C-alpha atoms as a PDB file:
ATOM      1  CA  MET A   1       0.000   0.000   0.000  1.00  0.00           C
ATOM      2  CA  SER A   2       1.491   3.323  -1.041  1.00  0.00           C
ATOM      3  CA  GLN A   3       1.891   5.993   1.541  1.00  0.00           C
ATOM      4  CA  THR A   4       0.752   9.560   1.023  1.00  0.00           C
ATOM      5  CA  PRO A   5       3.808  11.793   0.817  1.00  0.00           C
ATOM      6  CA  PRO A   6       4.039  14.418   3.529  1.00  0.00           C
ATOM      7  CA  PRO A   7       2.885  17.919   2.519  1.00  0.00           C
ATOM      8  CA  ARG A   8       5.586  20.217   1.216  1.00  0.00           C
ATOM      9  CA  THR A   9       6.491  22.839   3.751  1.00  0.00           C
ATOM     10  CA  GLN A  10       7.158  26.413   2.715  1.00  0.00           C
ATOM     11  CA  PRO A  11      10.586  27.765   3.669  1.00  0.00           C
ATOM     12  CA  LYS A  12      10.517  30.202   6.544  1.00  0.00           C
ATOM     13  CA  PRO A  13      11.065  33.815   5.484  1.00  0.00           C
ATOM     14  CA  LEU A  14      14.334  35.349   6.667  1.00  0.00           C
ATOM     15  CA  ILE A  15      13.976  38.688   8.438  1.00  0.00           C
ATOM     16  CA  VAL A  16      17.098  40.788   9.042  1.00  0.00           C
ATOM     17  CA  VAL A  17      16.617  42.707  12.306  1.00  0.00           C
ATOM     18  CA  VAL A  18      18.875  45.780  12.352  1.00  0.00           C
ATOM     19  CA  GLU A  19      18.603  47.047  15.930  1.00  0.00           C
ATOM     20  CA  ASP A  20      21.401  48.269  18.212  1.00  0.00           C
ATOM     21  CA  GLN A  21      19.623  47.495  21.495  1.00  0.00           C
ATOM     22  CA  PRO A  22      20.553  43.846  22.199  1.00  0.00           C
ATOM     23  CA  GLU A  23      17.603  43.095  24.491  1.00  0.00           C
ATOM     24  CA  LEU A  24      15.024  44.528  22.084  1.00  0.00           C
ATOM     25  CA  ALA A  25      16.645  42.786  19.121  1.00  0.00           C
ATOM     26  CA  ALA A  26      16.585  39.457  20.975  1.00  0.00           C
ATOM     27  CA  LEU A  27      12.901  39.916  21.881  1.00  0.00           C
ATOM     28  CA  VAL A  28      11.981  40.753  18.315  1.00  0.00           C
ATOM     29  CA  ALA A  29      13.897  37.715  17.043  1.00  0.00           C
ATOM     30  CA  THR A  30      12.140  35.464  19.559  1.00  0.00           C
ATOM     31  CA  HIS A  31       8.689  36.642  18.481  1.00  0.00           C
ATOM     32  CA  LEU A  32       9.565  36.257  14.813  1.00  0.00           C
ATOM     33  CA  GLU A  33      10.731  32.694  15.386  1.00  0.00           C
ATOM     34  CA  ARG A  34       7.515  31.925  17.254  1.00  0.00           C
ATOM     35  CA  ALA A  35       5.685  33.216  14.179  1.00  0.00           C
ATOM     36  CA  GLU A  36       7.547  30.704  11.949  1.00  0.00           C
ATOM     37  CA  MET A  37      10.103  33.178  10.635  1.00  0.00           C
ATOM     38  CA  ASN A  38      13.891  33.093  10.772  1.00  0.00           C
ATOM     39  CA  ALA A  39      15.708  36.094  12.206  1.00  0.00           C
ATOM     40  CA  GLN A  40      19.211  37.411  11.581  1.00  0.00           C
ATOM     41  CA  VAL A  41      20.155  40.113  14.093  1.00  0.00           C
ATOM     42  CA  CYS A  42      22.603  42.880  13.172  1.00  0.00           C
ATOM     43  CA  HIS A  43      23.500  45.584  15.677  1.00  0.00           C
ATOM     44  CA  ARG A  44      25.280  47.828  13.158  1.00  0.00           C
ATOM     45  CA  GLY A  45      24.295  49.110   9.754  1.00  0.00           C
ATOM     46  CA  GLN A  46      27.498  47.970   8.066  1.00  0.00           C
ATOM     47  CA  HIS A  47      27.074  44.475   9.514  1.00  0.00           C
ATOM     48  CA  ALA A  48      23.638  44.330   7.873  1.00  0.00           C
ATOM     49  CA  LEU A  49      25.023  45.645   4.581  1.00  0.00           C
ATOM     50  CA  ARG A  50      27.755  42.997   4.459  1.00  0.00           C
ATOM     51  CA  PHE A  51      25.239  40.269   5.285  1.00  0.00           C
ATOM     52  CA  LEU A  52      22.801  41.386   2.580  1.00  0.00           C
ATOM     53  CA  GLN A  53      25.566  41.629  -0.011  1.00  0.00           C
ATOM     54  CA  LYS A  54      26.178  37.903   0.426  1.00  0.00           C
ATOM     55  CA  ASN A  55      22.770  36.522   1.460  1.00  0.00           C
ATOM     56  CA  PHE A  56      19.145  36.704   0.342  1.00  0.00           C
ATOM     57  CA  ALA A  57      16.617  38.041   2.834  1.00  0.00           C
ATOM     58  CA  ASN A  58      12.857  38.415   2.563  1.00  0.00           C
ATOM     59  CA  LEU A  59      12.620  41.616   4.601  1.00  0.00           C
ATOM     60  CA  VAL A  60      14.686  44.065   6.656  1.00  0.00           C
ATOM     61  CA  LEU A  61      13.372  45.434   9.948  1.00  0.00           C
ATOM     62  CA  LEU A  62      15.460  48.578  10.200  1.00  0.00           C
ATOM     63  CA  ASP A  63      15.929  50.877  13.179  1.00  0.00           C
ATOM     64  CA  ILE A  64      16.580  54.455  12.089  1.00  0.00           C
ATOM     65  CA  ASN A  65      19.012  55.311  14.885  1.00  0.00           C
ATOM     66  CA  LEU A  66      22.088  53.067  14.666  1.00  0.00           C
ATOM     67  CA  PRO A  67      25.538  53.607  16.220  1.00  0.00           C
ATOM     68  CA  ASP A  68      27.463  53.761  12.943  1.00  0.00           C
ATOM     69  CA  GLN A  69      24.903  55.382  10.635  1.00  0.00           C
ATOM     70  CA  SER A  70      21.223  56.136  10.253  1.00  0.00           C
ATOM     71  CA  GLY A  71      18.775  53.595   8.929  1.00  0.00           C
ATOM     72  CA  PHE A  72      18.028  56.031   6.111  1.00  0.00           C
ATOM     73  CA  GLU A  73      21.689  55.966   5.067  1.00  0.00           C
ATOM     74  CA  LEU A  74      21.683  52.170   5.092  1.00  0.00           C
ATOM     75  CA  ALA A  75      18.536  52.125   2.934  1.00  0.00           C
ATOM     76  CA  GLU A  76      20.292  54.401   0.427  1.00  0.00           C
ATOM     77  CA  GLN A  77      23.348  52.111   0.410  1.00  0.00           C
ATOM     78  CA  LEU A  78      21.183  49.073  -0.253  1.00  0.00           C
ATOM     79  CA  LYS A  79      19.518  50.859  -3.146  1.00  0.00           C
ATOM     80  CA  ALA A  80      22.888  51.965  -4.565  1.00  0.00           C
ATOM     81  CA  ALA A  81      24.132  48.361  -4.328  1.00  0.00           C
ATOM     82  CA  ASP A  82      21.001  47.176  -6.195  1.00  0.00           C
ATOM     83  CA  ILE A  83      19.932  45.063  -3.234  1.00  0.00           C
ATOM     84  CA  SER A  84      16.170  44.963  -3.558  1.00  0.00           C
ATOM     85  CA  VAL A  85      14.557  43.913  -0.274  1.00  0.00           C
ATOM     86  CA  PRO A  86      11.380  45.128   1.475  1.00  0.00           C
ATOM     87  CA  ILE A  87      12.129  47.449   4.414  1.00  0.00           C
ATOM     88  CA  ILE A  88      10.081  48.253   7.494  1.00  0.00           C
ATOM     89  CA  PHE A  89      11.522  51.187   9.428  1.00  0.00           C
ATOM     90  CA  LEU A  90      11.420  50.787  13.199  1.00  0.00           C
ATOM     91  CA  THR A  91      11.892  53.870  15.364  1.00  0.00           C
ATOM     92  CA  GLY A  92      10.822  55.949  18.321  1.00  0.00           C
ATOM     93  CA  ASN A  93      10.591  59.023  16.093  1.00  0.00           C
ATOM     94  CA  VAL A  94       6.943  59.907  15.515  1.00  0.00           C
ATOM     95  CA  GLU A  95       7.622  63.012  13.418  1.00  0.00           C
ATOM     96  CA  GLU A  96       5.691  62.955  10.143  1.00  0.00           C
ATOM     97  CA  GLU A  97       8.715  64.283   8.222  1.00  0.00           C
ATOM     98  CA  SER A  98      10.743  61.267   9.319  1.00  0.00           C
ATOM     99  CA  LYS A  99       8.014  58.881   8.191  1.00  0.00           C
ATOM    100  CA  VAL A 100       7.754  60.588   4.808  1.00  0.00           C
ATOM    101  CA  ARG A 101      11.514  60.343   4.263  1.00  0.00           C
ATOM    102  CA  GLY A 102      11.477  56.639   5.066  1.00  0.00           C
ATOM    103  CA  LEU A 103       8.693  55.978   2.592  1.00  0.00           C
ATOM    104  CA  GLU A 104      10.345  58.123  -0.087  1.00  0.00           C
ATOM    105  CA  LEU A 105      13.481  56.001   0.286  1.00  0.00           C
ATOM    106  CA  GLY A 106      11.438  52.959  -0.661  1.00  0.00           C
ATOM    107  CA  GLY A 107      10.380  51.813   2.789  1.00  0.00           C
ATOM    108  CA  ASP A 108       7.352  49.533   2.748  1.00  0.00           C
ATOM    109  CA  ASP A 109       6.092  50.402   6.238  1.00  0.00           C
ATOM    110  CA  TYR A 110       6.966  52.443   9.327  1.00  0.00           C
ATOM    111  CA  ILE A 111       6.421  51.268  12.900  1.00  0.00           C
ATOM    112  CA  THR A 112       6.989  53.491  15.914  1.00  0.00           C
ATOM    113  CA  LYS A 113       8.086  52.312  19.361  1.00  0.00           C
ATOM    114  CA  PRO A 114       6.586  51.130  21.586  1.00  0.00           C
ATOM    115  CA  PHE A 115       4.695  48.512  19.585  1.00  0.00           C
ATOM    116  CA  SER A 116       2.980  45.222  20.238  1.00  0.00           C
ATOM    117  CA  TYR A 117       4.702  42.143  18.878  1.00  0.00           C
ATOM    118  CA  ALA A 118       1.412  40.887  17.473  1.00  0.00           C
ATOM    119  CA  GLU A 119       1.119  44.080  15.425  1.00  0.00           C
ATOM    120  CA  LEU A 120       4.755  43.822  14.345  1.00  0.00           C
ATOM    121  CA  VAL A 121       4.293  40.269  13.068  1.00  0.00           C
ATOM    122  CA  ALA A 122       1.051  41.227  11.298  1.00  0.00           C
ATOM    123  CA  ARG A 123       2.710  44.190   9.567  1.00  0.00           C
ATOM    124  CA  ILE A 124       5.659  42.035   8.475  1.00  0.00           C
ATOM    125  CA  ARG A 125       3.324  39.413   7.029  1.00  0.00           C
ATOM    126  CA  ALA A 126       1.394  42.097   5.142  1.00  0.00           C
ATOM    127  CA  VAL A 127       4.573  43.471   3.552  1.00  0.00           C
ATOM    128  CA  LEU A 128       5.751  39.954   2.660  1.00  0.00           C
ATOM    129  CA  ARG A 129       2.426  39.278   0.917  1.00  0.00           C
ATOM    130  CA  ARG A 130       2.674  42.505  -1.092  1.00  0.00           C
ATOM    131  CA  ALA A 131       6.267  41.702  -2.059  1.00  0.00           C
ATOM    132  CA  GLU A 132       5.260  38.238  -3.228  1.00  0.00           C
ATOM    133  CA  VAL A 133       2.473  39.617  -5.434  1.00  0.00           C
ATOM    134  CA  LYS A 134       4.854  42.229  -6.871  1.00  0.00           C
ATOM    135  CA  ALA A 135       7.469  39.582  -7.634  1.00  0.00           C
ATOM    136  CA  ASP A 136       4.875  37.516  -9.506  1.00  0.00           C
ATOM    137  CA  LEU A 137       4.914  40.167 -12.258  1.00  0.00           C
ATOM    138  CA  ASN A 138       8.656  39.860 -12.831  1.00  0.00           C
ATOM    139  CA  ILE A 139       9.861  38.246 -16.046  1.00  0.00           C
ATOM    140  CA  THR A 140      13.470  39.082 -15.238  1.00  0.00           C
ATOM    141  CA  LYS A 141      14.916  41.338 -12.584  1.00  0.00           C
ATOM    142  CA  ASN A 142      14.472  44.405 -14.803  1.00  0.00           C
ATOM    143  CA  VAL A 143      11.306  43.508 -16.751  1.00  0.00           C
ATOM    144  CA  LYS A 144       7.714  43.015 -15.626  1.00  0.00           C
ATOM    145  CA  VAL A 145       4.970  41.312 -17.568  1.00  0.00           C
ATOM    146  CA  ASN A 146       2.966  44.557 -17.679  1.00  0.00           C
ATOM    147  CA  ASP A 147       5.787  46.710 -19.098  1.00  0.00           C
ATOM    148  CA  GLU A 148       4.959  48.739 -22.199  1.00  0.00           C
ATOM    149  CA  PRO A 149       6.080  47.543 -25.662  1.00  0.00           C
ATOM    150  CA  PHE A 150       9.093  49.275 -27.207  1.00  0.00           C
ATOM    151  CA  ASP A 151      10.849  49.448 -30.572  1.00  0.00           C
ATOM    152  CA  PHE A 152      14.290  47.891 -31.030  1.00  0.00           C
ATOM    153  CA  CYS A 153      16.137  47.946 -34.359  1.00  0.00           C
ATOM    154  CA  GLY A 154      13.006  48.034 -36.497  1.00  0.00           C
ATOM    155  CA  ALA A 155      10.920  45.495 -34.556  1.00  0.00           C
ATOM    156  CA  ARG A 156       8.317  45.853 -31.813  1.00  0.00           C
ATOM    157  CA  VAL A 157       9.197  44.108 -28.544  1.00  0.00           C
ATOM    158  CA  GLN A 158       6.121  42.961 -26.578  1.00  0.00           C
ATOM    159  CA  PRO A 159       6.973  42.117 -22.911  1.00  0.00           C
ATOM    160  CA  GLN A 160       3.353  41.128 -22.194  1.00  0.00           C
ATOM    161  CA  ARG A 161       3.540  38.278 -24.687  1.00  0.00           C
ATOM    162  CA  LEU A 162       7.306  37.592 -24.728  1.00  0.00           C
ATOM    163  CA  GLU A 163       7.216  38.267 -28.458  1.00  0.00           C
ATOM    164  CA  VAL A 164       8.928  40.400 -31.053  1.00  0.00           C
ATOM    165  CA  THR A 165       6.746  41.651 -33.916  1.00  0.00           C
ATOM    166  CA  PHE A 166       8.722  42.164 -37.126  1.00  0.00           C
ATOM    167  CA  PRO A 167       7.802  44.464 -40.030  1.00  0.00           C
ATOM    168  CA  ASN A 168       6.897  41.440 -42.186  1.00  0.00           C
ATOM    169  CA  GLY A 169       4.146  40.551 -39.709  1.00  0.00           C
ATOM    170  CA  VAL A 170       5.951  37.634 -38.060  1.00  0.00           C
ATOM    171  CA  ASN A 171       5.505  37.327 -34.296  1.00  0.00           C
ATOM    172  CA  ALA A 172       8.506  35.486 -32.858  1.00  0.00           C
ATOM    173  CA  THR A 173       8.763  34.236 -29.301  1.00  0.00           C
ATOM    174  CA  ILE A 174      11.677  35.610 -27.296  1.00  0.00           C
ATOM    175  CA  GLY A 175      13.266  34.157 -24.157  1.00  0.00           C
ATOM    176  CA  ARG A 176      13.047  35.900 -20.787  1.00  0.00           C
ATOM    177  CA  LYS A 177      16.741  36.750 -20.576  1.00  0.00           C
ATOM    178  CA  GLU A 178      16.880  38.011 -24.153  1.00  0.00           C
ATOM    179  CA  LEU A 179      13.906  40.237 -23.337  1.00  0.00           C
ATOM    180  CA  GLY A 180      15.692  41.552 -20.249  1.00  0.00           C
ATOM    181  CA  ILE A 181      18.793  42.333 -22.309  1.00  0.00           C
ATOM    182  CA  LEU A 182      16.810  44.222 -24.965  1.00  0.00           C
ATOM    183  CA  SER A 183      14.862  46.162 -22.339  1.00  0.00           C
ATOM    184  CA  TYR A 184      17.998  47.276 -20.489  1.00  0.00           C
ATOM    185  CA  LEU A 185      19.787  48.289 -23.691  1.00  0.00           C
ATOM    186  CA  ASN A 186      16.704  50.185 -24.838  1.00  0.00           C
ATOM    187  CA  GLY A 187      16.634  52.102 -21.570  1.00  0.00           C
ATOM    188  CA  SER A 188      20.338  52.906 -21.958  1.00  0.00           C
ATOM    189  CA  ALA A 189      20.214  53.969 -25.604  1.00  0.00           C
ATOM    190  CA  GLY A 190      23.319  55.810 -26.734  1.00  0.00           C
ATOM    191  CA  GLU A 191      25.403  54.627 -23.783  1.00  0.00           C
ATOM    192  CA  VAL A 192      28.066  51.942 -23.630  1.00  0.00           C
ATOM    193  CA  VAL A 193      26.826  49.200 -21.280  1.00  0.00           C
ATOM    194  CA  THR A 194      29.424  46.973 -19.643  1.00  0.00           C
ATOM    195  CA  ARG A 195      28.907  43.228 -19.537  1.00  0.00           C
ATOM    196  CA  LYS A 196      28.852  43.323 -15.735  1.00  0.00           C
ATOM    197  CA  ALA A 197      26.186  46.048 -15.643  1.00  0.00           C
ATOM    198  CA  LEU A 198      24.029  44.109 -18.097  1.00  0.00           C
ATOM    199  CA  ILE A 199      24.345  40.868 -16.107  1.00  0.00           C
ATOM    200  CA  HIS A 200      23.505  42.643 -12.846  1.00  0.00           C
ATOM    201  CA  ALA A 201      20.476  44.327 -14.429  1.00  0.00           C
ATOM    202  CA  VAL A 202      18.966  41.166 -15.909  1.00  0.00           C
ATOM    203  CA  TRP A 203      20.099  38.401 -13.545  1.00  0.00           C
ATOM    204  CA  GLY A 204      20.771  40.353 -10.327  1.00  0.00           C
ATOM    205  CA  VAL A 205      23.877  41.468  -8.462  1.00  0.00           C
ATOM    206  CA  HIS A 206      24.472  38.104  -6.824  1.00  0.00           C
ATOM    207  CA  ALA A 207      23.979  35.980  -9.942  1.00  0.00           C
ATOM    208  CA  ASP A 208      26.884  33.759 -10.961  1.00  0.00           C
ATOM    209  CA  VAL A 209      26.715  34.428 -14.699  1.00  0.00           C
ATOM    210  CA  LYS A 210      29.782  34.528 -16.909  1.00  0.00           C
ATOM    211  CA  SER A 211      30.390  36.872 -19.860  1.00  0.00           C
ATOM    212  CA  ARG A 212      30.390  33.876 -22.192  1.00  0.00           C
ATOM    213  CA  SER A 213      26.834  32.998 -21.131  1.00  0.00           C
ATOM    214  CA  LEU A 214      25.741  36.579 -21.757  1.00  0.00           C
ATOM    215  CA  ASP A 215      27.313  36.506 -25.212  1.00  0.00           C
ATOM    216  CA  GLN A 216      25.314  33.362 -26.015  1.00  0.00           C
ATOM    217  CA  TYR A 217      22.041  35.149 -25.229  1.00  0.00           C
ATOM    218  CA  VAL A 218      23.119  38.096 -27.372  1.00  0.00           C
ATOM    219  CA  ALA A 219      23.890  35.664 -30.215  1.00  0.00           C
ATOM    220  CA  LYS A 220      20.308  34.348 -29.945  1.00  0.00           C
ATOM    221  CA  ILE A 221      19.007  37.897 -30.358  1.00  0.00           C
ATOM    222  CA  ARG A 222      21.191  38.445 -33.421  1.00  0.00           C
ATOM    223  CA  ASP A 223      20.018  35.154 -34.945  1.00  0.00           C
ATOM    224  CA  LEU A 224      16.370  36.035 -34.297  1.00  0.00           C
ATOM    225  CA  TYR A 225      16.685  39.332 -36.172  1.00  0.00           C
ATOM    226  CA  ALA A 226      18.790  37.819 -38.943  1.00  0.00           C
ATOM    227  CA  ASP A 227      16.124  35.164 -39.544  1.00  0.00           C
ATOM    228  CA  GLN A 228      13.653  37.966 -40.318  1.00  0.00           C
ATOM    229  CA  GLY A 229      16.073  39.915 -42.501  1.00  0.00           C
ATOM    230  CA  LEU A 230      16.655  42.794 -40.077  1.00  0.00           C
ATOM    231  CA  SER A 231      20.028  44.386 -39.454  1.00  0.00           C
ATOM    232  CA  LEU A 232      21.327  44.941 -35.920  1.00  0.00           C
ATOM    233  CA  GLU A 233      23.973  47.492 -36.857  1.00  0.00           C
ATOM    234  CA  GLN A 234      22.574  49.858 -34.202  1.00  0.00           C
ATOM    235  CA  PHE A 235      23.271  47.181 -31.585  1.00  0.00           C
ATOM    236  CA  ARG A 236      27.020  46.736 -31.491  1.00  0.00           C
ATOM    237  CA  THR A 237      29.631  44.930 -29.450  1.00  0.00           C
ATOM    238  CA  VAL A 238      32.203  47.202 -27.811  1.00  0.00           C
ATOM    239  CA  HIS A 239      35.138  44.828 -27.612  1.00  0.00           C
ATOM    240  CA  GLY A 240      36.585  44.330 -24.163  1.00  0.00           C
ATOM    241  CA  ILE A 241      33.786  46.340 -22.545  1.00  0.00           C
ATOM    242  CA  GLY A 242      30.262  45.338 -23.489  1.00  0.00           C
ATOM    243  CA  TYR A 243      27.590  46.617 -25.879  1.00  0.00           C
ATOM    244  CA  ILE A 244      25.873  49.732 -27.134  1.00  0.00           C
ATOM    245  CA  PHE A 245      22.417  50.327 -28.606  1.00  0.00           C
ATOM    246  CA  ASP A 246      22.866  53.433 -30.753  1.00  0.00           C
ATOM    247  CA  PRO A 247      19.555  54.090 -32.568  1.00  0.00           C
ATOM    248  CA  LYS A 248      20.517  57.676 -33.537  1.00  0.00           C
ATOM    249  CA  GLY A 249      23.931  56.661 -34.872  1.00  0.00           C
ATOM    250  CA  LEU A 250      25.743  59.262 -32.784  1.00  0.00           C
ATOM    251  CA  SER A 251      28.381  57.070 -31.141  1.00  0.00           C
ATOM    252  CA  GLN A 252      31.569  55.726 -32.658  1.00  0.00           C
ATOM    253  CA  ALA A 253      31.803  52.976 -30.027  1.00  0.00           C
ATOM    254  CA  GLY A 254      31.911  49.499 -31.521  1.00  0.00           C
ATOM    255  CA  ARG A 255      32.306  50.695 -35.091  1.00  0.00           C
END
């Protein structure tokens, strides 16, 4: 008699708690673990930054007043490093101006001390749900399924359908990564884009993707256009650096 396999369990979300008060940080971590979440405590902003540069986290619970820097400064550093993670600011500052700044920096919520742990857990779960829904729209790191179509070298790129419409009426399917590459180049028209920047934009900062793999995806794009008789002379390789999409023909790079 076959046995029913046990139900698959969802991995516990990892919450990075950036709080300089050890007792409060320990209490928060305890309540998160009771709520079936994992907690990583960091008492300094730079400790949290180094952790997030090397590890994935589902959310950051960020105190504004830290010994080495403000939580706002850390949020700006995370953004500059292209580390996309939901942030809930945690502070005793009830000033409206402070709340507005936190939200303008991309914060997903703002909780003032003192707070109940039940409310804290509920607010974290709400932000995690919103983040999950938002991520469902992602095709690649830099492209969402509801992004607007755009023109690239004489063809119409349709993110909603993962298709490229050519002037001869052919609709050709395009892969997710190829779409991400075209979208990033289109948004950087006229600029030389390094291979590293392109990989980080499409795959993410922490992705282990080699230049050779990127070149293979670019070759697929070239083949797709060549099959429909379109030239990609506006999309050029800049040897030793990366690529350029030069629709106005103003740059000498790659010529």
